[in-house]
Amino acid sequence: MKTTTLLKLCISAIPALFLAQGIAQAATHSDEPATLSENIADAGDSTKDKVKHYLSDAEITAKVKEKFIHEKLFDKVDIAAMGIHVKTVHGVVHLTGKVADTTQEENAVTLAKSVEGVKDVKSSLKIKVKKEAAPK
């Protein structure tokens, strides 16, 4: 199998992993403990809305992370794909972490805004301070 095919296969699995993480998060953020015997169809509208909200936020987070990685690997966009933490709350994407420069921060914000379902992007990204060599 070619390296690029394997790489594309691995990248295509990333959103599924983040979506699974979001589903687990939705279950743990419920007001009542989730049990296997509960049936979502019998749940109240409030619970259904909470689950739907968490899933859509998890989907947005997964799509943003996938876009960062894809752009870094295939389109060679200057972005610190692995150094940026992405969290979505009510459709608003929050970016935290460290980037090398303002270009990487701007690229991250632009890419996140381009994802379907994103209402806004809030960046708290920090620029890494370059260590200067001590004078001799």
N, C-alpha and C. Protein backbone atom coordinates (compact mmCIF):
# COMPACT_ATOMS: atom_id res chain seq x y z
N MET A 1 0.85 -1.17 0.00
CA MET A 1 0.00 0.00 0.00
C MET A 1 0.89 1.23 0.00
N LYS A 2 0.58 2.18 -0.83
CA LYS A 2 1.38 3.40 -0.90
C LYS A 2 1.26 4.19 0.39
N THR A 3 2.30 4.95 0.69
CA THR A 3 2.32 5.76 1.90
C THR A 3 1.20 6.79 1.90
N THR A 4 0.95 7.44 0.76
CA THR A 4 -0.11 8.46 0.71
C THR A 4 -1.48 7.85 0.91
N THR A 5 -1.71 6.64 0.40
CA THR A 5 -2.99 5.98 0.60
C THR A 5 -3.19 5.63 2.07
N LEU A 6 -2.16 5.13 2.69
CA LEU A 6 -2.22 4.81 4.11
C LEU A 6 -2.45 6.06 4.94
N LEU A 7 -1.78 7.13 4.58
CA LEU A 7 -1.92 8.40 5.29
C LEU A 7 -3.35 8.93 5.15
N LYS A 8 -3.90 8.86 3.95
CA LYS A 8 -5.28 9.31 3.72
C LYS A 8 -6.26 8.46 4.52
N LEU A 9 -6.02 7.17 4.60
CA LEU A 9 -6.87 6.27 5.37
C LEU A 9 -6.83 6.64 6.85
N CYS A 10 -5.65 6.91 7.36
CA CYS A 10 -5.51 7.31 8.77
C CYS A 10 -6.22 8.63 9.04
N ILE A 11 -6.07 9.57 8.14
CA ILE A 11 -6.71 10.88 8.31
C ILE A 11 -8.22 10.75 8.24
N SER A 12 -8.73 9.88 7.40
CA SER A 12 -10.19 9.72 7.30
C SER A 12 -10.78 9.14 8.58
N ALA A 13 -9.97 8.48 9.40
CA ALA A 13 -10.45 7.92 10.65
C ALA A 13 -10.48 8.94 11.78
N ILE A 14 -9.76 10.03 11.63
CA ILE A 14 -9.66 11.04 12.69
C ILE A 14 -11.02 11.61 13.07
N PRO A 15 -11.87 12.04 12.12
CA PRO A 15 -13.17 12.59 12.53
C PRO A 15 -14.01 11.59 13.33
N ALA A 16 -13.93 10.33 12.98
CA ALA A 16 -14.69 9.31 13.72
C ALA A 16 -14.22 9.23 15.17
N LEU A 17 -12.94 9.36 15.38
CA LEU A 17 -12.42 9.32 16.75
C LEU A 17 -12.90 10.52 17.56
N PHE A 18 -12.87 11.70 16.95
CA PHE A 18 -13.32 12.89 17.66
C PHE A 18 -14.83 12.86 17.88
N LEU A 19 -15.58 12.30 16.93
CA LEU A 19 -17.02 12.18 17.08
C LEU A 19 -17.35 11.22 18.23
N ALA A 20 -16.62 10.12 18.31
CA ALA A 20 -16.82 9.19 19.42
C ALA A 20 -16.52 9.85 20.76
N GLN A 21 -15.50 10.69 20.77
CA GLN A 21 -15.16 11.43 21.98
C GLN A 21 -16.32 12.36 22.35
N GLY A 22 -16.92 13.00 21.35
CA GLY A 22 -18.05 13.90 21.59
C GLY A 22 -19.27 13.17 22.11
N ILE A 23 -19.52 11.97 21.60
CA ILE A 23 -20.65 11.17 22.08
C ILE A 23 -20.44 10.80 23.54
N ALA A 24 -19.23 10.41 23.88
CA ALA A 24 -18.92 10.09 25.28
C ALA A 24 -19.08 11.32 26.16
N GLN A 25 -18.66 12.46 25.64
CA GLN A 25 -18.80 13.70 26.40
C GLN A 25 -20.27 14.04 26.60
N ALA A 26 -21.08 13.84 25.58
CA ALA A 26 -22.51 14.12 25.70
C ALA A 26 -23.16 13.25 26.76
N ALA A 27 -22.73 12.00 26.82
CA ALA A 27 -23.30 11.09 27.81
C ALA A 27 -22.90 11.49 29.23
N THR A 28 -21.70 11.98 29.40
CA THR A 28 -21.22 12.32 30.74
C THR A 28 -21.69 13.69 31.20
N HIS A 29 -22.14 14.55 30.28
CA HIS A 29 -22.60 15.88 30.66
C HIS A 29 -24.11 15.93 30.87
N SER A 30 -24.76 14.82 30.79
CA SER A 30 -26.20 14.76 31.02
C SER A 30 -26.50 15.04 32.48
N ASP A 31 -27.70 15.58 32.77
CA ASP A 31 -28.09 15.85 34.14
C ASP A 31 -28.30 14.56 34.93
N GLU A 32 -28.68 13.50 34.24
CA GLU A 32 -28.93 12.21 34.89
C GLU A 32 -27.90 11.21 34.38
N PRO A 33 -27.51 10.27 35.22
CA PRO A 33 -26.56 9.26 34.75
C PRO A 33 -27.15 8.44 33.61
N ALA A 34 -26.36 8.22 32.58
CA ALA A 34 -26.82 7.43 31.44
C ALA A 34 -26.66 5.95 31.75
N THR A 35 -27.68 5.18 31.44
CA THR A 35 -27.59 3.73 31.58
C THR A 35 -27.95 3.09 30.26
N LEU A 36 -27.53 1.86 30.09
CA LEU A 36 -27.81 1.18 28.83
C LEU A 36 -29.30 0.94 28.62
N SER A 37 -30.06 0.87 29.71
CA SER A 37 -31.49 0.58 29.57
C SER A 37 -32.30 1.79 29.13
N GLU A 38 -31.70 2.99 29.21
CA GLU A 38 -32.43 4.17 28.77
C GLU A 38 -32.56 4.18 27.26
N ASN A 39 -33.68 4.65 26.81
CA ASN A 39 -33.92 4.71 25.38
C ASN A 39 -34.06 6.18 25.00
N ILE A 40 -33.21 6.66 24.10
CA ILE A 40 -33.23 8.07 23.73
C ILE A 40 -34.58 8.48 23.13
N ALA A 41 -35.28 7.54 22.51
CA ALA A 41 -36.58 7.85 21.92
C ALA A 41 -37.60 8.20 23.00
N ASP A 42 -37.43 7.66 24.21
CA ASP A 42 -38.36 7.93 25.30
C ASP A 42 -37.92 9.12 26.15
N ALA A 43 -36.77 9.67 25.85
CA ALA A 43 -36.25 10.78 26.65
C ALA A 43 -37.02 12.05 26.34
N GLY A 44 -36.98 12.98 27.28
CA GLY A 44 -37.66 14.25 27.08
C GLY A 44 -36.98 15.08 26.02
N ASP A 45 -37.67 16.11 25.52
CA ASP A 45 -37.10 16.97 24.49
C ASP A 45 -35.81 17.63 24.95
N SER A 46 -35.73 17.97 26.23
CA SER A 46 -34.55 18.63 26.77
C SER A 46 -33.32 17.72 26.61
N THR A 47 -33.47 16.46 26.94
CA THR A 47 -32.35 15.52 26.83
C THR A 47 -31.97 15.32 25.37
N LYS A 48 -32.96 15.20 24.50
CA LYS A 48 -32.67 15.04 23.07
C LYS A 48 -31.91 16.25 22.54
N ASP A 49 -32.32 17.45 22.96
CA ASP A 49 -31.65 18.67 22.52
C ASP A 49 -30.22 18.71 23.01
N LYS A 50 -29.99 18.29 24.26
CA LYS A 50 -28.63 18.28 24.81
C LYS A 50 -27.74 17.33 24.02
N VAL A 51 -28.24 16.15 23.73
CA VAL A 51 -27.45 15.16 22.99
C VAL A 51 -27.17 15.68 21.59
N LYS A 52 -28.19 16.23 20.93
CA LYS A 52 -28.02 16.77 19.58
C LYS A 52 -26.99 17.90 19.59
N HIS A 53 -27.08 18.77 20.60
CA HIS A 53 -26.14 19.89 20.72
C HIS A 53 -24.71 19.40 20.89
N TYR A 54 -24.50 18.44 21.80
CA TYR A 54 -23.16 17.92 22.03
C TYR A 54 -22.61 17.23 20.78
N LEU A 55 -23.50 16.50 20.08
CA LEU A 55 -23.04 15.83 18.87
C LEU A 55 -22.65 16.83 17.80
N SER A 56 -23.44 17.89 17.61
CA SER A 56 -23.10 18.85 16.57
C SER A 56 -21.81 19.59 16.94
N ASP A 57 -21.62 19.92 18.21
CA ASP A 57 -20.37 20.55 18.63
C ASP A 57 -19.19 19.61 18.44
N ALA A 58 -19.38 18.34 18.75
CA ALA A 58 -18.31 17.35 18.56
C ALA A 58 -18.00 17.18 17.08
N GLU A 59 -19.02 17.20 16.24
CA GLU A 59 -18.80 17.09 14.80
C GLU A 59 -18.01 18.29 14.27
N ILE A 60 -18.36 19.48 14.74
CA ILE A 60 -17.64 20.68 14.31
C ILE A 60 -16.18 20.60 14.75
N THR A 61 -15.95 20.22 16.00
CA THR A 61 -14.59 20.09 16.51
C THR A 61 -13.80 19.10 15.66
N ALA A 62 -14.40 17.96 15.34
CA ALA A 62 -13.73 16.94 14.53
C ALA A 62 -13.41 17.47 13.14
N LYS A 63 -14.35 18.20 12.54
CA LYS A 63 -14.13 18.74 11.20
C LYS A 63 -13.03 19.79 11.19
N VAL A 64 -12.98 20.63 12.23
CA VAL A 64 -11.93 21.65 12.31
C VAL A 64 -10.56 20.98 12.45
N LYS A 65 -10.45 19.99 13.35
CA LYS A 65 -9.17 19.29 13.53
C LYS A 65 -8.75 18.57 12.25
N GLU A 66 -9.73 17.94 11.60
CA GLU A 66 -9.43 17.25 10.35
C GLU A 66 -8.92 18.24 9.31
N LYS A 67 -9.55 19.41 9.23
CA LYS A 67 -9.15 20.42 8.25
C LYS A 67 -7.72 20.90 8.53
N PHE A 68 -7.39 21.11 9.81
CA PHE A 68 -6.04 21.54 10.18
C PHE A 68 -5.02 20.51 9.70
N ILE A 69 -5.27 19.25 10.00
CA ILE A 69 -4.32 18.19 9.65
C ILE A 69 -4.21 18.04 8.14
N HIS A 70 -5.36 18.06 7.45
CA HIS A 70 -5.36 17.91 6.00
C HIS A 70 -4.59 19.04 5.34
N GLU A 71 -4.85 20.27 5.76
CA GLU A 71 -4.16 21.42 5.18
C GLU A 71 -2.66 21.35 5.44
N LYS A 72 -2.27 20.94 6.62
CA LYS A 72 -0.85 20.83 6.98
C LYS A 72 -0.15 19.78 6.11
N LEU A 73 -0.80 18.64 5.93
CA LEU A 73 -0.17 17.53 5.21
C LEU A 73 -0.23 17.66 3.70
N PHE A 74 -1.38 18.07 3.17
CA PHE A 74 -1.56 18.00 1.73
C PHE A 74 -1.50 19.35 1.03
N ASP A 75 -1.96 20.40 1.68
CA ASP A 75 -1.96 21.71 1.02
C ASP A 75 -0.82 22.59 1.50
N LYS A 76 -0.05 22.08 2.45
CA LYS A 76 1.14 22.75 2.95
C LYS A 76 0.86 24.14 3.51
N VAL A 77 -0.31 24.31 4.14
CA VAL A 77 -0.63 25.56 4.81
C VAL A 77 0.17 25.62 6.10
N ASP A 78 0.73 26.77 6.41
CA ASP A 78 1.53 26.95 7.62
C ASP A 78 0.60 27.01 8.82
N ILE A 79 0.50 25.89 9.53
CA ILE A 79 -0.38 25.81 10.70
C ILE A 79 0.21 24.80 11.68
N ALA A 80 0.09 25.10 12.96
CA ALA A 80 0.56 24.19 14.00
C ALA A 80 -0.57 23.21 14.31
N ALA A 81 -0.84 22.31 13.40
CA ALA A 81 -2.01 21.43 13.48
C ALA A 81 -2.09 20.64 14.78
N MET A 82 -0.99 20.15 15.27
CA MET A 82 -1.01 19.33 16.47
C MET A 82 -0.87 20.16 17.74
N GLY A 83 -0.49 21.42 17.63
CA GLY A 83 -0.30 22.26 18.80
C GLY A 83 -1.51 23.10 19.16
N ILE A 84 -2.59 22.94 18.39
CA ILE A 84 -3.78 23.75 18.62
C ILE A 84 -4.88 22.87 19.19
N HIS A 85 -5.41 23.28 20.34
CA HIS A 85 -6.54 22.58 20.96
C HIS A 85 -7.83 23.24 20.47
N VAL A 86 -8.78 22.43 20.05
CA VAL A 86 -10.05 22.93 19.51
C VAL A 86 -11.19 22.45 20.39
N LYS A 87 -12.05 23.38 20.79
CA LYS A 87 -13.24 23.05 21.56
C LYS A 87 -14.39 23.87 20.99
N THR A 88 -15.53 23.23 20.80
CA THR A 88 -16.70 23.91 20.25
C THR A 88 -17.81 23.93 21.28
N VAL A 89 -18.38 25.11 21.51
CA VAL A 89 -19.49 25.28 22.43
C VAL A 89 -20.57 26.09 21.72
N HIS A 90 -21.72 25.48 21.53
CA HIS A 90 -22.85 26.14 20.85
C HIS A 90 -22.45 26.68 19.48
N GLY A 91 -21.62 25.96 18.76
CA GLY A 91 -21.21 26.37 17.41
C GLY A 91 -20.07 27.35 17.37
N VAL A 92 -19.60 27.81 18.53
CA VAL A 92 -18.47 28.74 18.60
C VAL A 92 -17.20 27.93 18.87
N VAL A 93 -16.24 28.04 17.97
CA VAL A 93 -14.99 27.30 18.08
C VAL A 93 -13.99 28.12 18.90
N HIS A 94 -13.41 27.47 19.91
CA HIS A 94 -12.40 28.09 20.76
C HIS A 94 -11.06 27.42 20.48
N LEU A 95 -10.08 28.24 20.08
CA LEU A 95 -8.75 27.73 19.76
C LEU A 95 -7.78 28.14 20.86
N THR A 96 -7.06 27.17 21.41
CA THR A 96 -6.04 27.44 22.42
C THR A 96 -4.78 26.67 22.05
N GLY A 97 -3.67 27.06 22.64
CA GLY A 97 -2.41 26.39 22.37
C GLY A 97 -1.36 27.38 21.94
N LYS A 98 -0.28 26.87 21.37
CA LYS A 98 0.83 27.73 20.96
C LYS A 98 1.10 27.56 19.47
N VAL A 99 1.39 28.68 18.83
CA VAL A 99 1.75 28.70 17.41
C VAL A 99 3.06 29.45 17.27
N ALA A 100 3.73 29.25 16.14
CA ALA A 100 5.05 29.85 15.93
C ALA A 100 4.97 31.35 15.66
N ASP A 101 3.91 31.79 14.97
CA ASP A 101 3.81 33.21 14.61
C ASP A 101 2.36 33.59 14.31
N THR A 102 2.16 34.86 13.99
CA THR A 102 0.81 35.35 13.72
C THR A 102 0.22 34.74 12.45
N THR A 103 1.07 34.36 11.51
CA THR A 103 0.57 33.72 10.28
C THR A 103 -0.14 32.41 10.61
N GLN A 104 0.47 31.61 11.49
CA GLN A 104 -0.16 30.35 11.88
C GLN A 104 -1.48 30.60 12.61
N GLU A 105 -1.53 31.63 13.44
CA GLU A 105 -2.77 31.95 14.13
C GLU A 105 -3.85 32.38 13.14
N GLU A 106 -3.50 33.24 12.20
CA GLU A 106 -4.45 33.70 11.19
C GLU A 106 -4.95 32.54 10.34
N ASN A 107 -4.04 31.63 9.96
CA ASN A 107 -4.42 30.46 9.17
C ASN A 107 -5.39 29.57 9.94
N ALA A 108 -5.13 29.38 11.23
CA ALA A 108 -6.00 28.54 12.06
C ALA A 108 -7.40 29.14 12.15
N VAL A 109 -7.49 30.44 12.38
CA VAL A 109 -8.79 31.10 12.48
C VAL A 109 -9.53 31.02 11.15
N THR A 110 -8.84 31.30 10.06
CA THR A 110 -9.46 31.26 8.73
C THR A 110 -9.98 29.86 8.40
N LEU A 111 -9.17 28.84 8.67
CA LEU A 111 -9.58 27.46 8.39
C LEU A 111 -10.77 27.06 9.25
N ALA A 112 -10.75 27.43 10.52
CA ALA A 112 -11.85 27.08 11.42
C ALA A 112 -13.15 27.75 10.97
N LYS A 113 -13.07 29.00 10.54
CA LYS A 113 -14.27 29.72 10.07
C LYS A 113 -14.85 29.09 8.80
N SER A 114 -14.01 28.40 8.03
CA SER A 114 -14.47 27.81 6.77
C SER A 114 -15.25 26.51 6.95
N VAL A 115 -15.29 25.98 8.16
CA VAL A 115 -15.98 24.72 8.42
C VAL A 115 -17.48 24.98 8.58
N GLU A 116 -18.26 24.15 7.91
CA GLU A 116 -19.72 24.28 7.98
C GLU A 116 -20.22 24.11 9.41
N GLY A 117 -21.11 25.00 9.83
CA GLY A 117 -21.69 24.92 11.16
C GLY A 117 -21.03 25.83 12.18
N VAL A 118 -19.86 26.38 11.84
CA VAL A 118 -19.15 27.27 12.76
C VAL A 118 -19.83 28.64 12.75
N LYS A 119 -20.25 29.08 13.94
CA LYS A 119 -20.89 30.39 14.07
C LYS A 119 -19.86 31.49 14.27
N ASP A 120 -18.80 31.19 15.02
CA ASP A 120 -17.77 32.16 15.31
C ASP A 120 -16.52 31.41 15.76
N VAL A 121 -15.38 32.10 15.74
CA VAL A 121 -14.12 31.52 16.19
C VAL A 121 -13.49 32.48 17.19
N LYS A 122 -13.16 31.96 18.36
CA LYS A 122 -12.48 32.73 19.40
C LYS A 122 -11.07 32.16 19.55
N SER A 123 -10.08 32.99 19.32
CA SER A 123 -8.70 32.53 19.40
C SER A 123 -8.03 33.03 20.68
N SER A 124 -7.49 32.08 21.43
CA SER A 124 -6.65 32.38 22.59
C SER A 124 -5.27 31.79 22.37
N LEU A 125 -4.89 31.70 21.09
CA LEU A 125 -3.60 31.12 20.73
C LEU A 125 -2.48 32.05 21.17
N LYS A 126 -1.41 31.47 21.65
CA LYS A 126 -0.24 32.21 22.12
C LYS A 126 0.90 32.02 21.11
N ILE A 127 1.63 33.09 20.88
CA ILE A 127 2.80 33.02 20.01
C ILE A 127 3.99 32.53 20.85
N LYS A 128 4.65 31.48 20.36
CA LYS A 128 5.82 30.96 21.07
C LYS A 128 6.93 32.00 21.06
N VAL A 129 7.53 32.20 22.20
CA VAL A 129 8.64 33.13 22.31
C VAL A 129 9.90 32.40 21.90
N LYS A 130 10.60 32.98 20.94
CA LYS A 130 11.85 32.36 20.48
C LYS A 130 12.95 32.68 21.46
N LYS A 131 13.67 31.65 21.85
CA LYS A 131 14.78 31.82 22.80
C LYS A 131 16.00 32.34 22.03
N GLU A 132 16.55 33.41 22.52
CA GLU A 132 17.73 33.97 21.89
C GLU A 132 18.97 33.36 22.54
N ALA A 133 19.99 33.24 21.75
CA ALA A 133 21.25 32.69 22.27
C ALA A 133 21.86 33.71 23.21
N ALA A 134 22.39 33.23 24.30
CA ALA A 134 23.04 34.11 25.27
C ALA A 134 24.32 34.67 24.66
N PRO A 135 24.57 35.97 24.90
CA PRO A 135 25.81 36.56 24.36
C PRO A 135 27.05 35.97 25.03
N LYS A 136 28.12 35.86 24.28
CA LYS A 136 29.36 35.26 24.80
C LYS A 136 30.30 36.31 25.30
